[in-house]
Amino acid sequence: MKIGLGGLLIILIAAFVSCSGSVKQTIPAAAPAVTNSSPVETNTDAADDFDSALTEFRNTTMDIPFSLKSADLNLDNSKYYIKNQSIENFMKKSLIPVLTKVIKTMSSDKVVVISGYASKIGTEEPGKNFIGNIALSKDRAQAVLDYLLKNTGWDKSKFKIKFYGSSMPLSGIDPADLKNCRVSIDIE
């Protein structure tokens, strides 16, 4: 006959009570099972929820394309589609839902990082008739952040922007290629 941990505990308590005549309270024969609800389990569950949300986010998220020398989001321009949909549809139907899951489950030491980039066309610093790739990449990141905040009501403190100019082209892509005119989103 197998006795579970709870049954063994009841037998031990009953044996102690019967050997010690000084105990005035009686222990019910069927004491409720004790569950371990320690903070470690809760934190593990929260970490699992975050990891799951982060995986889904990284599998869904794509770079957001921009036109040359522009920080305007091309929300409905078919030239800048992501996964065969407009940038606006991608952001509202794909990006915002998965990012919502990440934000709800991420710990307070994490932030959503929105990074802006530019192609090698133009100079990094401002010049005649051009704000420069560094300022342009910052404006692109800010445009995406502004869009997200406007369409979600999220707290701005959960975000940070970074901007790189043309210093970080896509791997295997010509630095002057327009594919480098983009914004990426990740979690740090």
N, C-alpha and C. Protein backbone atom coordinates (compact mmCIF):
# COMPACT_ATOMS: atom_id res chain seq x y z
N MET A 1 0.85 -1.18 0.00
CA MET A 1 0.00 0.00 0.00
C MET A 1 0.89 1.24 0.00
N LYS A 2 0.64 2.15 -0.93
CA LYS A 2 1.41 3.39 -1.02
C LYS A 2 0.72 4.48 -0.24
N ILE A 3 1.50 5.26 0.49
CA ILE A 3 0.97 6.38 1.25
C ILE A 3 1.64 7.63 0.70
N GLY A 4 0.86 8.62 0.30
CA GLY A 4 1.41 9.87 -0.20
C GLY A 4 2.02 10.68 0.92
N LEU A 5 2.70 11.74 0.54
CA LEU A 5 3.36 12.62 1.51
C LEU A 5 2.36 13.20 2.50
N GLY A 6 1.19 13.60 2.01
CA GLY A 6 0.17 14.17 2.90
C GLY A 6 -0.33 13.13 3.90
N GLY A 7 -0.53 11.87 3.43
CA GLY A 7 -0.98 10.80 4.32
C GLY A 7 0.07 10.47 5.37
N LEU A 8 1.34 10.46 4.97
CA LEU A 8 2.43 10.19 5.90
C LEU A 8 2.50 11.27 6.96
N LEU A 9 2.29 12.51 6.56
CA LEU A 9 2.30 13.63 7.50
C LEU A 9 1.18 13.46 8.53
N ILE A 10 0.02 13.06 8.11
CA ILE A 10 -1.12 12.86 9.02
C ILE A 10 -0.82 11.74 10.00
N ILE A 11 -0.23 10.65 9.51
CA ILE A 11 0.10 9.52 10.39
C ILE A 11 1.12 9.96 11.45
N LEU A 12 2.15 10.72 11.04
CA LEU A 12 3.17 11.19 11.98
C LEU A 12 2.57 12.13 13.03
N ILE A 13 1.70 13.01 12.59
CA ILE A 13 1.07 13.94 13.53
C ILE A 13 0.18 13.16 14.50
N ALA A 14 -0.58 12.21 13.98
CA ALA A 14 -1.46 11.41 14.83
C ALA A 14 -0.65 10.61 15.85
N ALA A 15 0.50 10.06 15.41
CA ALA A 15 1.37 9.31 16.32
C ALA A 15 1.92 10.22 17.40
N PHE A 16 2.30 11.44 17.02
CA PHE A 16 2.83 12.40 17.98
C PHE A 16 1.75 12.77 19.00
N VAL A 17 0.53 13.00 18.52
CA VAL A 17 -0.56 13.39 19.39
C VAL A 17 -0.88 12.26 20.36
N SER A 18 -0.90 11.02 19.89
CA SER A 18 -1.26 9.91 20.79
C SER A 18 -0.16 9.63 21.80
N CYS A 19 1.11 9.96 21.47
CA CYS A 19 2.21 9.74 22.41
C CYS A 19 2.33 10.88 23.40
N SER A 20 1.85 12.01 23.06
CA SER A 20 1.99 13.17 23.91
C SER A 20 0.63 13.52 24.45
N GLY A 21 0.41 13.32 25.66
CA GLY A 21 -0.88 13.58 26.26
C GLY A 21 -1.16 15.05 26.48
N SER A 22 -0.17 15.93 26.22
CA SER A 22 -0.35 17.34 26.53
C SER A 22 -1.01 18.13 25.41
N VAL A 23 -1.16 17.57 24.26
CA VAL A 23 -1.76 18.30 23.14
C VAL A 23 -3.27 18.30 23.33
N LYS A 24 -3.86 19.50 23.33
CA LYS A 24 -5.28 19.62 23.60
C LYS A 24 -6.10 19.67 22.32
N GLN A 25 -5.49 20.12 21.20
CA GLN A 25 -6.22 20.19 19.95
C GLN A 25 -6.12 18.85 19.24
N THR A 26 -7.16 18.52 18.52
CA THR A 26 -7.10 17.31 17.72
C THR A 26 -6.87 17.70 16.27
N ILE A 27 -6.14 16.87 15.56
CA ILE A 27 -5.83 17.10 14.16
C ILE A 27 -6.84 16.32 13.33
N PRO A 28 -7.51 16.95 12.42
CA PRO A 28 -8.46 16.21 11.60
C PRO A 28 -7.73 15.13 10.81
N ALA A 29 -8.38 14.02 10.59
CA ALA A 29 -7.77 12.90 9.89
C ALA A 29 -7.48 13.24 8.43
N ALA A 30 -8.27 14.06 7.83
CA ALA A 30 -8.06 14.39 6.42
C ALA A 30 -7.68 15.86 6.30
N ALA A 31 -6.45 16.19 6.68
CA ALA A 31 -5.98 17.57 6.58
C ALA A 31 -5.80 17.93 5.11
N PRO A 32 -6.11 19.16 4.75
CA PRO A 32 -5.96 19.56 3.35
C PRO A 32 -4.49 19.50 2.93
N ALA A 33 -4.28 19.16 1.70
CA ALA A 33 -2.91 19.09 1.17
C ALA A 33 -2.32 20.49 1.13
N VAL A 34 -1.05 20.58 1.43
CA VAL A 34 -0.35 21.87 1.40
C VAL A 34 0.30 22.01 0.04
N THR A 35 0.04 23.14 -0.62
CA THR A 35 0.68 23.38 -1.92
C THR A 35 1.79 24.37 -1.73
N ASN A 36 2.81 24.22 -2.52
CA ASN A 36 3.96 25.12 -2.47
C ASN A 36 3.73 26.22 -3.49
N SER A 37 3.42 27.39 -3.03
CA SER A 37 3.22 28.53 -3.93
C SER A 37 4.30 29.56 -3.68
N SER A 38 5.52 29.12 -3.70
CA SER A 38 6.65 30.01 -3.41
C SER A 38 6.85 31.01 -4.54
N PRO A 39 7.45 32.17 -4.25
CA PRO A 39 7.71 33.18 -5.27
C PRO A 39 8.59 32.65 -6.39
N VAL A 40 9.41 31.67 -6.12
CA VAL A 40 10.29 31.13 -7.15
C VAL A 40 9.46 30.53 -8.28
N GLU A 41 8.41 29.79 -7.93
CA GLU A 41 7.55 29.21 -8.97
C GLU A 41 6.86 30.31 -9.76
N THR A 42 6.36 31.33 -9.08
CA THR A 42 5.70 32.43 -9.75
C THR A 42 6.67 33.13 -10.69
N ASN A 43 7.88 33.38 -10.23
CA ASN A 43 8.88 34.03 -11.09
C ASN A 43 9.23 33.16 -12.27
N THR A 44 9.29 31.86 -12.06
CA THR A 44 9.58 30.96 -13.16
C THR A 44 8.46 31.01 -14.19
N ASP A 45 7.21 31.00 -13.71
CA ASP A 45 6.08 31.10 -14.62
C ASP A 45 6.12 32.42 -15.39
N ALA A 46 6.42 33.51 -14.72
CA ALA A 46 6.51 34.82 -15.37
C ALA A 46 7.64 34.82 -16.40
N ALA A 47 8.76 34.22 -16.04
CA ALA A 47 9.89 34.15 -16.97
C ALA A 47 9.52 33.31 -18.19
N ASP A 48 8.80 32.21 -17.96
CA ASP A 48 8.35 31.38 -19.07
C ASP A 48 7.39 32.15 -19.98
N ASP A 49 6.46 32.91 -19.37
CA ASP A 49 5.53 33.72 -20.15
C ASP A 49 6.29 34.75 -20.99
N PHE A 50 7.29 35.40 -20.38
CA PHE A 50 8.08 36.39 -21.09
C PHE A 50 8.86 35.73 -22.23
N ASP A 51 9.51 34.61 -21.95
CA ASP A 51 10.29 33.92 -22.98
C ASP A 51 9.41 33.50 -24.15
N SER A 52 8.22 33.02 -23.85
CA SER A 52 7.28 32.62 -24.89
C SER A 52 6.85 33.84 -25.72
N ALA A 53 6.52 34.93 -25.05
CA ALA A 53 6.12 36.16 -25.75
C ALA A 53 7.27 36.71 -26.58
N LEU A 54 8.48 36.66 -26.04
CA LEU A 54 9.66 37.17 -26.75
C LEU A 54 9.94 36.34 -28.00
N THR A 55 9.81 35.04 -27.90
CA THR A 55 10.02 34.17 -29.06
C THR A 55 9.00 34.49 -30.15
N GLU A 56 7.74 34.63 -29.76
CA GLU A 56 6.70 34.98 -30.74
C GLU A 56 6.99 36.35 -31.36
N PHE A 57 7.40 37.30 -30.54
CA PHE A 57 7.74 38.64 -31.02
C PHE A 57 8.86 38.59 -32.05
N ARG A 58 9.94 37.87 -31.74
CA ARG A 58 11.09 37.80 -32.65
C ARG A 58 10.77 37.03 -33.92
N ASN A 59 9.82 36.09 -33.86
CA ASN A 59 9.41 35.37 -35.06
C ASN A 59 8.48 36.20 -35.94
N THR A 60 7.85 37.21 -35.37
CA THR A 60 6.88 38.03 -36.08
C THR A 60 7.48 39.34 -36.60
N THR A 61 8.36 39.93 -35.82
CA THR A 61 8.86 41.26 -36.11
C THR A 61 9.78 41.29 -37.32
N MET A 62 9.62 42.29 -38.12
CA MET A 62 10.46 42.53 -39.28
C MET A 62 10.93 43.99 -39.22
N ASP A 63 12.03 44.28 -39.92
CA ASP A 63 12.46 45.67 -40.03
C ASP A 63 11.38 46.48 -40.74
N ILE A 64 11.24 47.73 -40.34
CA ILE A 64 10.26 48.62 -40.95
C ILE A 64 11.02 49.49 -41.96
N PRO A 65 10.68 49.38 -43.24
CA PRO A 65 11.42 50.10 -44.27
C PRO A 65 11.04 51.58 -44.37
N PHE A 66 12.01 52.38 -44.79
CA PHE A 66 11.81 53.81 -45.02
C PHE A 66 12.37 54.17 -46.39
N SER A 67 11.87 55.26 -46.95
CA SER A 67 12.42 55.73 -48.21
C SER A 67 13.68 56.54 -47.94
N LEU A 68 14.48 56.69 -48.97
CA LEU A 68 15.75 57.40 -48.88
C LEU A 68 15.52 58.83 -48.37
N LYS A 69 16.31 59.24 -47.43
CA LYS A 69 16.30 60.59 -46.87
C LYS A 69 14.95 61.01 -46.29
N SER A 70 14.18 60.04 -45.81
CA SER A 70 12.88 60.36 -45.23
C SER A 70 12.70 59.63 -43.90
N ALA A 71 12.04 60.32 -42.98
CA ALA A 71 11.68 59.70 -41.71
C ALA A 71 10.18 59.51 -41.61
N ASP A 72 9.48 59.66 -42.74
CA ASP A 72 8.04 59.48 -42.76
C ASP A 72 7.70 57.99 -42.88
N LEU A 73 6.80 57.52 -42.04
CA LEU A 73 6.33 56.15 -42.16
C LEU A 73 5.45 56.05 -43.40
N ASN A 74 5.79 55.15 -44.29
CA ASN A 74 5.02 54.94 -45.51
C ASN A 74 3.93 53.92 -45.22
N LEU A 75 2.93 54.35 -44.49
CA LEU A 75 1.94 53.43 -43.93
C LEU A 75 1.17 52.63 -44.97
N ASP A 76 0.86 53.23 -46.11
CA ASP A 76 0.04 52.53 -47.10
C ASP A 76 0.69 52.42 -48.47
N ASN A 77 1.96 52.75 -48.59
CA ASN A 77 2.65 52.71 -49.88
C ASN A 77 3.07 51.27 -50.17
N SER A 78 2.60 50.72 -51.29
CA SER A 78 2.88 49.32 -51.62
C SER A 78 4.37 49.05 -51.85
N LYS A 79 5.14 50.08 -52.09
CA LYS A 79 6.60 49.92 -52.27
C LYS A 79 7.27 49.51 -50.96
N TYR A 80 6.61 49.76 -49.85
CA TYR A 80 7.20 49.49 -48.53
C TYR A 80 6.39 48.46 -47.74
N TYR A 81 5.88 47.46 -48.41
CA TYR A 81 5.11 46.43 -47.74
C TYR A 81 6.01 45.51 -46.91
N ILE A 82 5.44 44.96 -45.84
CA ILE A 82 6.11 43.97 -45.00
C ILE A 82 5.23 42.73 -45.00
N LYS A 83 5.78 41.61 -45.37
CA LYS A 83 5.02 40.36 -45.42
C LYS A 83 3.71 40.54 -46.21
N ASN A 84 3.80 41.16 -47.37
CA ASN A 84 2.67 41.37 -48.28
C ASN A 84 1.53 42.19 -47.68
N GLN A 85 1.84 43.07 -46.75
CA GLN A 85 0.82 43.97 -46.21
C GLN A 85 1.43 45.34 -45.97
N SER A 86 0.58 46.33 -45.92
CA SER A 86 1.07 47.69 -45.68
C SER A 86 1.73 47.77 -44.31
N ILE A 87 2.56 48.76 -44.15
CA ILE A 87 3.21 48.96 -42.85
C ILE A 87 2.16 49.15 -41.76
N GLU A 88 1.12 49.90 -42.07
CA GLU A 88 0.07 50.12 -41.08
C GLU A 88 -0.60 48.81 -40.66
N ASN A 89 -0.97 47.98 -41.64
CA ASN A 89 -1.59 46.69 -41.30
C ASN A 89 -0.62 45.80 -40.53
N PHE A 90 0.64 45.78 -40.94
CA PHE A 90 1.64 44.98 -40.24
C PHE A 90 1.75 45.42 -38.79
N MET A 91 1.82 46.72 -38.58
CA MET A 91 1.99 47.23 -37.22
C MET A 91 0.76 46.96 -36.37
N LYS A 92 -0.43 47.19 -36.91
CA LYS A 92 -1.65 47.03 -36.13
C LYS A 92 -2.05 45.57 -35.93
N LYS A 93 -1.83 44.72 -36.94
CA LYS A 93 -2.31 43.34 -36.86
C LYS A 93 -1.24 42.35 -36.41
N SER A 94 0.03 42.70 -36.57
CA SER A 94 1.10 41.75 -36.20
C SER A 94 1.98 42.29 -35.08
N LEU A 95 2.59 43.44 -35.31
CA LEU A 95 3.57 43.96 -34.36
C LEU A 95 2.95 44.34 -33.02
N ILE A 96 1.93 45.15 -33.02
CA ILE A 96 1.35 45.63 -31.76
C ILE A 96 0.80 44.48 -30.90
N PRO A 97 0.09 43.50 -31.47
CA PRO A 97 -0.39 42.39 -30.61
C PRO A 97 0.74 41.60 -29.94
N VAL A 98 1.81 41.27 -30.69
CA VAL A 98 2.88 40.49 -30.05
C VAL A 98 3.70 41.36 -29.12
N LEU A 99 3.88 42.62 -29.44
CA LEU A 99 4.62 43.51 -28.56
C LEU A 99 3.83 43.76 -27.26
N THR A 100 2.52 43.75 -27.34
CA THR A 100 1.68 43.88 -26.15
C THR A 100 1.96 42.72 -25.19
N LYS A 101 2.05 41.50 -25.71
CA LYS A 101 2.34 40.34 -24.87
C LYS A 101 3.71 40.49 -24.20
N VAL A 102 4.69 40.97 -24.95
CA VAL A 102 6.03 41.15 -24.39
C VAL A 102 6.01 42.19 -23.28
N ILE A 103 5.39 43.32 -23.54
CA ILE A 103 5.36 44.41 -22.55
C ILE A 103 4.64 43.97 -21.28
N LYS A 104 3.56 43.20 -21.41
CA LYS A 104 2.82 42.74 -20.23
C LYS A 104 3.63 41.76 -19.39
N THR A 105 4.56 41.04 -20.01
CA THR A 105 5.29 40.00 -19.27
C THR A 105 6.74 40.36 -18.96
N MET A 106 7.25 41.46 -19.53
CA MET A 106 8.66 41.76 -19.29
C MET A 106 8.87 42.39 -17.91
N SER A 107 10.01 42.11 -17.34
CA SER A 107 10.34 42.66 -16.02
C SER A 107 10.67 44.14 -16.15
N SER A 108 10.68 44.83 -15.02
CA SER A 108 10.86 46.28 -15.02
C SER A 108 12.26 46.70 -15.48
N ASP A 109 13.21 45.77 -15.51
CA ASP A 109 14.56 46.13 -15.97
C ASP A 109 14.71 45.99 -17.49
N LYS A 110 13.66 45.59 -18.18
CA LYS A 110 13.69 45.43 -19.64
C LYS A 110 13.04 46.64 -20.31
N VAL A 111 13.50 46.94 -21.53
CA VAL A 111 12.90 48.00 -22.33
C VAL A 111 12.79 47.54 -23.78
N VAL A 112 11.86 48.14 -24.49
CA VAL A 112 11.72 47.94 -25.92
C VAL A 112 12.65 48.94 -26.59
N VAL A 113 13.56 48.44 -27.42
CA VAL A 113 14.53 49.30 -28.09
C VAL A 113 14.14 49.45 -29.55
N ILE A 114 13.97 50.68 -29.97
CA ILE A 114 13.64 50.99 -31.35
C ILE A 114 14.88 51.65 -31.95
N SER A 115 15.47 50.98 -32.96
CA SER A 115 16.74 51.44 -33.53
C SER A 115 16.56 51.89 -34.98
N GLY A 116 17.06 53.09 -35.27
CA GLY A 116 16.98 53.63 -36.61
C GLY A 116 18.31 53.52 -37.34
N TYR A 117 18.22 53.31 -38.66
CA TYR A 117 19.40 53.14 -39.51
C TYR A 117 19.21 53.92 -40.80
N ALA A 118 20.32 54.12 -41.50
CA ALA A 118 20.30 54.80 -42.79
C ALA A 118 21.24 54.07 -43.75
N SER A 119 21.07 54.34 -45.03
CA SER A 119 22.00 53.79 -46.02
C SER A 119 23.25 54.68 -46.06
N LYS A 120 24.25 54.26 -46.78
CA LYS A 120 25.50 55.00 -46.87
C LYS A 120 25.37 56.23 -47.78
N ILE A 121 24.23 56.37 -48.44
CA ILE A 121 24.02 57.53 -49.31
C ILE A 121 23.88 58.76 -48.42
N GLY A 122 24.65 59.78 -48.70
CA GLY A 122 24.65 60.98 -47.89
C GLY A 122 25.71 60.89 -46.80
N THR A 123 25.85 61.98 -46.08
CA THR A 123 26.86 62.05 -45.02
C THR A 123 26.23 61.74 -43.66
N GLU A 124 27.06 61.37 -42.72
CA GLU A 124 26.56 61.10 -41.37
C GLU A 124 26.10 62.39 -40.70
N GLU A 125 26.87 63.43 -40.86
CA GLU A 125 26.57 64.72 -40.24
C GLU A 125 25.77 65.60 -41.20
N PRO A 126 25.07 66.61 -40.67
CA PRO A 126 24.29 67.49 -41.53
C PRO A 126 25.15 68.16 -42.60
N GLY A 127 24.54 68.34 -43.74
CA GLY A 127 25.20 69.03 -44.85
C GLY A 127 24.20 69.91 -45.55
N LYS A 128 24.61 70.41 -46.68
CA LYS A 128 23.73 71.29 -47.44
C LYS A 128 22.50 70.50 -47.91
N ASN A 129 21.32 70.93 -47.53
CA ASN A 129 20.04 70.32 -47.91
C ASN A 129 19.83 68.90 -47.39
N PHE A 130 20.57 68.51 -46.34
CA PHE A 130 20.39 67.15 -45.79
C PHE A 130 20.69 67.18 -44.30
N ILE A 131 19.82 66.57 -43.50
CA ILE A 131 20.00 66.60 -42.04
C ILE A 131 21.10 65.66 -41.55
N GLY A 132 21.55 64.77 -42.41
CA GLY A 132 22.60 63.82 -42.04
C GLY A 132 21.99 62.48 -41.63
N ASN A 133 22.74 61.42 -41.88
CA ASN A 133 22.24 60.07 -41.62
C ASN A 133 22.00 59.79 -40.14
N ILE A 134 22.79 60.38 -39.27
CA ILE A 134 22.59 60.15 -37.83
C ILE A 134 21.25 60.73 -37.39
N ALA A 135 21.00 61.99 -37.74
CA ALA A 135 19.72 62.62 -37.37
C ALA A 135 18.56 61.92 -38.07
N LEU A 136 18.77 61.51 -39.32
CA LEU A 136 17.72 60.82 -40.06
C LEU A 136 17.35 59.50 -39.39
N SER A 137 18.36 58.73 -38.97
CA SER A 137 18.07 57.45 -38.31
C SER A 137 17.38 57.67 -36.96
N LYS A 138 17.73 58.75 -36.27
CA LYS A 138 17.05 59.08 -35.02
C LYS A 138 15.59 59.43 -35.28
N ASP A 139 15.34 60.24 -36.31
CA ASP A 139 13.97 60.63 -36.65
C ASP A 139 13.13 59.42 -37.06
N ARG A 140 13.74 58.45 -37.73
CA ARG A 140 13.01 57.24 -38.12
C ARG A 140 12.59 56.45 -36.88
N ALA A 141 13.52 56.26 -35.97
CA ALA A 141 13.19 55.54 -34.73
C ALA A 141 12.11 56.27 -33.96
N GLN A 142 12.22 57.59 -33.90
CA GLN A 142 11.22 58.39 -33.18
C GLN A 142 9.85 58.29 -33.85
N ALA A 143 9.81 58.23 -35.19
CA ALA A 143 8.54 58.12 -35.92
C ALA A 143 7.83 56.81 -35.57
N VAL A 144 8.60 55.72 -35.46
CA VAL A 144 8.00 54.43 -35.10
C VAL A 144 7.52 54.47 -33.65
N LEU A 145 8.33 55.02 -32.75
CA LEU A 145 7.91 55.13 -31.35
C LEU A 145 6.64 55.97 -31.24
N ASP A 146 6.60 57.11 -31.91
CA ASP A 146 5.42 57.97 -31.86
C ASP A 146 4.17 57.23 -32.35
N TYR A 147 4.32 56.48 -33.43
CA TYR A 147 3.19 55.71 -33.97
C TYR A 147 2.70 54.71 -32.94
N LEU A 148 3.63 53.97 -32.34
CA LEU A 148 3.24 52.95 -31.36
C LEU A 148 2.55 53.57 -30.15
N LEU A 149 3.11 54.66 -29.64
CA LEU A 149 2.50 55.31 -28.47
C LEU A 149 1.12 55.87 -28.80
N LYS A 150 0.98 56.44 -29.98
CA LYS A 150 -0.31 57.02 -30.39
C LYS A 150 -1.38 55.94 -30.55
N ASN A 151 -0.98 54.75 -31.01
CA ASN A 151 -1.96 53.71 -31.32
C ASN A 151 -2.14 52.67 -30.22
N THR A 152 -1.46 52.84 -29.08
CA THR A 152 -1.58 51.84 -28.02
C THR A 152 -1.84 52.43 -26.64
N GLY A 153 -1.35 53.60 -26.35
CA GLY A 153 -1.46 54.14 -25.01
C GLY A 153 -0.40 53.59 -24.07
N TRP A 154 0.63 52.93 -24.61
CA TRP A 154 1.71 52.38 -23.77
C TRP A 154 2.48 53.51 -23.10
N ASP A 155 3.12 53.18 -22.00
CA ASP A 155 3.95 54.12 -21.24
C ASP A 155 5.29 54.32 -21.96
N LYS A 156 5.64 55.55 -22.23
CA LYS A 156 6.87 55.87 -22.96
C LYS A 156 8.12 55.37 -22.23
N SER A 157 8.04 55.23 -20.91
CA SER A 157 9.20 54.81 -20.13
C SER A 157 9.62 53.36 -20.43
N LYS A 158 8.77 52.60 -21.10
CA LYS A 158 9.10 51.22 -21.46
C LYS A 158 9.90 51.15 -22.76
N PHE A 159 10.21 52.31 -23.35
CA PHE A 159 10.88 52.35 -24.64
C PHE A 159 12.15 53.19 -24.58
N LYS A 160 13.03 52.88 -25.51
CA LYS A 160 14.22 53.71 -25.71
C LYS A 160 14.55 53.65 -27.18
N ILE A 161 15.03 54.76 -27.72
CA ILE A 161 15.43 54.76 -29.12
C ILE A 161 16.95 54.83 -29.22
N LYS A 162 17.44 54.20 -30.27
CA LYS A 162 18.86 54.25 -30.62
C LYS A 162 18.93 54.60 -32.10
N PHE A 163 20.03 55.19 -32.49
CA PHE A 163 20.17 55.57 -33.89
C PHE A 163 21.64 55.43 -34.29
N TYR A 164 21.84 54.87 -35.48
CA TYR A 164 23.18 54.48 -35.90
C TYR A 164 23.65 55.11 -37.20
N GLY A 165 22.82 55.91 -37.84
CA GLY A 165 23.23 56.44 -39.14
C GLY A 165 23.45 55.28 -40.09
N SER A 166 24.54 55.36 -40.85
CA SER A 166 24.84 54.29 -41.81
C SER A 166 25.92 53.34 -41.28
N SER A 167 26.21 53.41 -39.99
CA SER A 167 27.32 52.64 -39.42
C SER A 167 27.03 51.14 -39.26
N MET A 168 25.78 50.72 -39.39
CA MET A 168 25.44 49.31 -39.20
C MET A 168 24.57 48.80 -40.36
N PRO A 169 25.16 48.65 -41.55
CA PRO A 169 24.36 48.13 -42.67
C PRO A 169 23.99 46.66 -42.45
N LEU A 170 22.96 46.23 -43.12
CA LEU A 170 22.56 44.82 -43.06
C LEU A 170 23.70 43.95 -43.58
N SER A 171 23.88 42.81 -42.97
CA SER A 171 24.93 41.88 -43.37
C SER A 171 24.69 41.39 -44.80
N GLY A 172 25.74 41.42 -45.60
CA GLY A 172 25.65 40.93 -46.98
C GLY A 172 24.95 41.88 -47.94
N ILE A 173 24.62 43.07 -47.47
CA ILE A 173 23.92 44.06 -48.31
C ILE A 173 24.86 45.25 -48.53
N ASP A 174 24.88 45.78 -49.74
CA ASP A 174 25.67 46.97 -50.04
C ASP A 174 25.25 48.09 -49.09
N PRO A 175 26.20 48.74 -48.42
CA PRO A 175 25.85 49.82 -47.48
C PRO A 175 25.01 50.94 -48.10
N ALA A 176 25.10 51.12 -49.41
CA ALA A 176 24.32 52.17 -50.07
C ALA A 176 22.92 51.68 -50.47
N ASP A 177 22.63 50.40 -50.29
CA ASP A 177 21.33 49.85 -50.66
C ASP A 177 20.23 50.44 -49.79
N LEU A 178 19.09 50.70 -50.41
CA LEU A 178 17.97 51.30 -49.68
C LEU A 178 17.38 50.39 -48.62
N LYS A 179 17.71 49.09 -48.63
CA LYS A 179 17.24 48.19 -47.58
C LYS A 179 17.80 48.59 -46.22
N ASN A 180 18.87 49.36 -46.23
CA ASN A 180 19.46 49.83 -44.98
C ASN A 180 18.69 51.01 -44.37
N CYS A 181 17.75 51.56 -45.10
CA CYS A 181 16.89 52.64 -44.59
C CYS A 181 15.76 51.96 -43.83
N ARG A 182 15.96 51.76 -42.53
CA ARG A 182 15.03 50.90 -41.80
C ARG A 182 15.01 51.23 -40.31
N VAL A 183 14.06 50.62 -39.62
CA VAL A 183 13.98 50.66 -38.17
C VAL A 183 13.78 49.22 -37.69
N SER A 184 14.50 48.84 -36.66
CA SER A 184 14.31 47.53 -36.06
C SER A 184 13.85 47.70 -34.63
N ILE A 185 13.20 46.67 -34.11
CA ILE A 185 12.68 46.71 -32.74
C ILE A 185 13.13 45.44 -32.03
N ASP A 186 13.65 45.60 -30.82
CA ASP A 186 14.07 44.45 -30.02
C ASP A 186 13.88 44.77 -28.54
N ILE A 187 14.21 43.81 -27.70
CA ILE A 187 14.05 43.96 -26.25
C ILE A 187 15.42 43.85 -25.60
N GLU A 188 15.72 44.74 -24.69
CA GLU A 188 16.98 44.69 -23.93
C GLU A 188 16.65 44.62 -22.46
